[in-house]
């Protein structure tokens, strides 16, 4: 955008430039796999929302169950991130 403004005389508002910078920043930030801490937080919340208080808490589940919930969290985060990037591009 800045090159267009300098070479072609195209005009963009501060809001246009800020929106473009935000969109590219989100794309850059979200292009990699979500971090382990983020996945862990999401998995914990999903697990707790889908289980009643009588079921084992997150810290009490075994490694196989934990990996199941972490996989679900990774998938949910990827889809959510993709939707966020798509919204930012509009």
C-alpha atoms as a PDB file:
ATOM      1  CA  UNK A   1       0.000   0.000   0.000  1.00  0.00           C
ATOM      2  CA  UNK A   2       2.822   2.361   0.872  1.00  0.00           C
ATOM      3  CA  UNK A   3       4.546   1.654  -2.453  1.00  0.00           C
ATOM      4  CA  UNK A   4       1.292   2.326  -4.295  1.00  0.00           C
ATOM      5  CA  UNK A   5       0.902   5.577  -2.424  1.00  0.00           C
ATOM      6  CA  UNK A   6       4.451   6.655  -3.284  1.00  0.00           C
ATOM      7  CA  UNK A   7       4.589   5.522  -6.902  1.00  0.00           C
ATOM      8  CA  UNK A   8       1.032   5.758  -8.161  1.00  0.00           C
ATOM      9  CA  UNK A   9      -0.390   8.479  -5.984  1.00  0.00           C
ATOM     10  CA  UNK A  10      -3.024   6.092  -4.654  1.00  0.00           C
ATOM     11  CA  UNK A  11      -4.489   7.280  -1.383  1.00  0.00           C
ATOM     12  CA  UNK A  12      -5.307   5.096   1.597  1.00  0.00           C
ATOM     13  CA  UNK A  13      -6.650   6.237   4.928  1.00  0.00           C
ATOM     14  CA  UNK A  14      -4.905   5.526   8.201  1.00  0.00           C
ATOM     15  CA  UNK A  15      -7.700   3.045   8.890  1.00  0.00           C
ATOM     16  CA  UNK A  16      -7.006   1.204   5.591  1.00  0.00           C
ATOM     17  CA  UNK A  17      -3.320   0.889   6.432  1.00  0.00           C
ATOM     18  CA  UNK A  18      -4.047  -0.169  10.021  1.00  0.00           C
ATOM     19  CA  UNK A  19      -6.549  -2.805   8.851  1.00  0.00           C
ATOM     20  CA  UNK A  20      -4.052  -4.200   6.333  1.00  0.00           C
ATOM     21  CA  UNK A  21      -1.306  -4.310   8.964  1.00  0.00           C
ATOM     22  CA  UNK A  22      -3.629  -6.051  11.410  1.00  0.00           C
ATOM     23  CA  UNK A  23      -4.729  -8.622   8.809  1.00  0.00           C
ATOM     24  CA  UNK A  24      -1.158  -9.477   7.804  1.00  0.00           C
ATOM     25  CA  UNK A  25      -0.113  -9.594  11.457  1.00  0.00           C
ATOM     26  CA  UNK A  26      -2.901 -12.051  12.256  1.00  0.00           C
ATOM     27  CA  UNK A  27      -2.007 -14.206   9.253  1.00  0.00           C
ATOM     28  CA  UNK A  28       1.631 -14.278  10.332  1.00  0.00           C
ATOM     29  CA  UNK A  29       0.815 -15.025  13.960  1.00  0.00           C
ATOM     30  CA  UNK A  30      -1.714 -17.737  13.156  1.00  0.00           C
ATOM     31  CA  UNK A  31       0.071 -19.534  10.312  1.00  0.00           C
ATOM     32  CA  UNK A  32       1.895 -21.891  12.664  1.00  0.00           C
ATOM     33  CA  UNK A  33       0.436 -24.539  14.925  1.00  0.00           C
ATOM     34  CA  UNK A  34      -1.020 -23.147  18.143  1.00  0.00           C
ATOM     35  CA  UNK A  35       1.339 -23.158  21.104  1.00  0.00           C
ATOM     36  CA  UNK A  36       1.200 -25.916  23.712  1.00  0.00           C
ATOM     37  CA  UNK A  37      -0.056 -23.610  26.458  1.00  0.00           C
ATOM     38  CA  UNK A  38      -2.884 -22.307  24.279  1.00  0.00           C
ATOM     39  CA  UNK A  39      -3.893 -25.859  23.320  1.00  0.00           C
ATOM     40  CA  UNK A  40      -3.773 -26.956  26.957  1.00  0.00           C
ATOM     41  CA  UNK A  41      -6.052 -24.090  28.044  1.00  0.00           C
ATOM     42  CA  UNK A  42      -8.531 -24.799  25.258  1.00  0.00           C
ATOM     43  CA  UNK A  43      -8.550 -28.546  25.964  1.00  0.00           C
ATOM     44  CA  UNK A  44      -9.153 -27.947  29.659  1.00  0.00           C
ATOM     45  CA  UNK A  45     -12.103 -25.654  28.965  1.00  0.00           C
ATOM     46  CA  UNK A  46     -13.648 -27.985  26.375  1.00  0.00           C
ATOM     47  CA  UNK A  47     -13.253 -30.966  28.705  1.00  0.00           C
ATOM     48  CA  UNK A  48     -14.792 -29.148  31.658  1.00  0.00           C
ATOM     49  CA  UNK A  49     -17.710 -27.805  29.609  1.00  0.00           C
ATOM     50  CA  UNK A  50     -18.568 -31.286  28.343  1.00  0.00           C
ATOM     51  CA  UNK A  51     -18.343 -33.096  31.681  1.00  0.00           C
ATOM     52  CA  UNK A  52     -20.357 -32.702  34.829  1.00  0.00           C
ATOM     53  CA  UNK A  53     -18.787 -32.116  38.216  1.00  0.00           C
ATOM     54  CA  UNK A  54     -18.901 -35.831  39.110  1.00  0.00           C
ATOM     55  CA  UNK A  55     -16.507 -36.796  36.301  1.00  0.00           C
ATOM     56  CA  UNK A  56     -12.700 -36.695  36.711  1.00  0.00           C
ATOM     57  CA  UNK A  57     -11.227 -33.217  36.460  1.00  0.00           C
ATOM     58  CA  UNK A  58      -8.655 -32.320  33.809  1.00  0.00           C
ATOM     59  CA  UNK A  59      -5.696 -32.950  36.097  1.00  0.00           C
ATOM     60  CA  UNK A  60      -6.986 -36.461  36.917  1.00  0.00           C
ATOM     61  CA  UNK A  61      -7.398 -37.824  33.375  1.00  0.00           C
ATOM     62  CA  UNK A  62      -4.822 -40.222  31.943  1.00  0.00           C
ATOM     63  CA  UNK A  63      -2.412 -39.501  29.088  1.00  0.00           C
ATOM     64  CA  UNK A  64      -4.543 -41.205  26.418  1.00  0.00           C
ATOM     65  CA  UNK A  65      -7.640 -39.205  27.360  1.00  0.00           C
ATOM     66  CA  UNK A  66      -5.587 -36.016  27.630  1.00  0.00           C
ATOM     67  CA  UNK A  67      -4.211 -36.462  24.092  1.00  0.00           C
ATOM     68  CA  UNK A  68      -7.764 -36.983  22.804  1.00  0.00           C
ATOM     69  CA  UNK A  69      -8.845 -33.648  24.286  1.00  0.00           C
ATOM     70  CA  UNK A  70      -5.688 -31.900  23.094  1.00  0.00           C
ATOM     71  CA  UNK A  71      -6.417 -33.099  19.529  1.00  0.00           C
ATOM     72  CA  UNK A  72      -9.924 -31.683  19.758  1.00  0.00           C
ATOM     73  CA  UNK A  73      -8.563 -28.394  21.075  1.00  0.00           C
ATOM     74  CA  UNK A  74      -5.985 -28.148  18.248  1.00  0.00           C
ATOM     75  CA  UNK A  75      -8.712 -28.718  15.656  1.00  0.00           C
ATOM     76  CA  UNK A  76     -10.996 -26.136  17.267  1.00  0.00           C
ATOM     77  CA  UNK A  77      -8.202 -23.575  17.440  1.00  0.00           C
ATOM     78  CA  UNK A  78      -7.212 -24.121  13.792  1.00  0.00           C
ATOM     79  CA  UNK A  79     -10.787 -23.614  12.601  1.00  0.00           C
ATOM     80  CA  UNK A  80     -11.263 -20.589  14.826  1.00  0.00           C
ATOM     81  CA  UNK A  81      -7.976 -19.043  13.686  1.00  0.00           C
ATOM     82  CA  UNK A  82      -8.853 -19.594  10.019  1.00  0.00           C
ATOM     83  CA  UNK A  83     -12.223 -17.889  10.537  1.00  0.00           C
ATOM     84  CA  UNK A  84     -10.523 -14.970  12.292  1.00  0.00           C
ATOM     85  CA  UNK A  85      -8.058 -14.499   9.427  1.00  0.00           C
ATOM     86  CA  UNK A  86     -10.901 -14.677   6.907  1.00  0.00           C
ATOM     87  CA  UNK A  87     -12.851 -12.030   8.822  1.00  0.00           C
ATOM     88  CA  UNK A  88      -9.783  -9.795   8.998  1.00  0.00           C
ATOM     89  CA  UNK A  89      -9.344  -9.963   5.215  1.00  0.00           C
ATOM     90  CA  UNK A  90     -12.841  -8.663   4.498  1.00  0.00           C
END
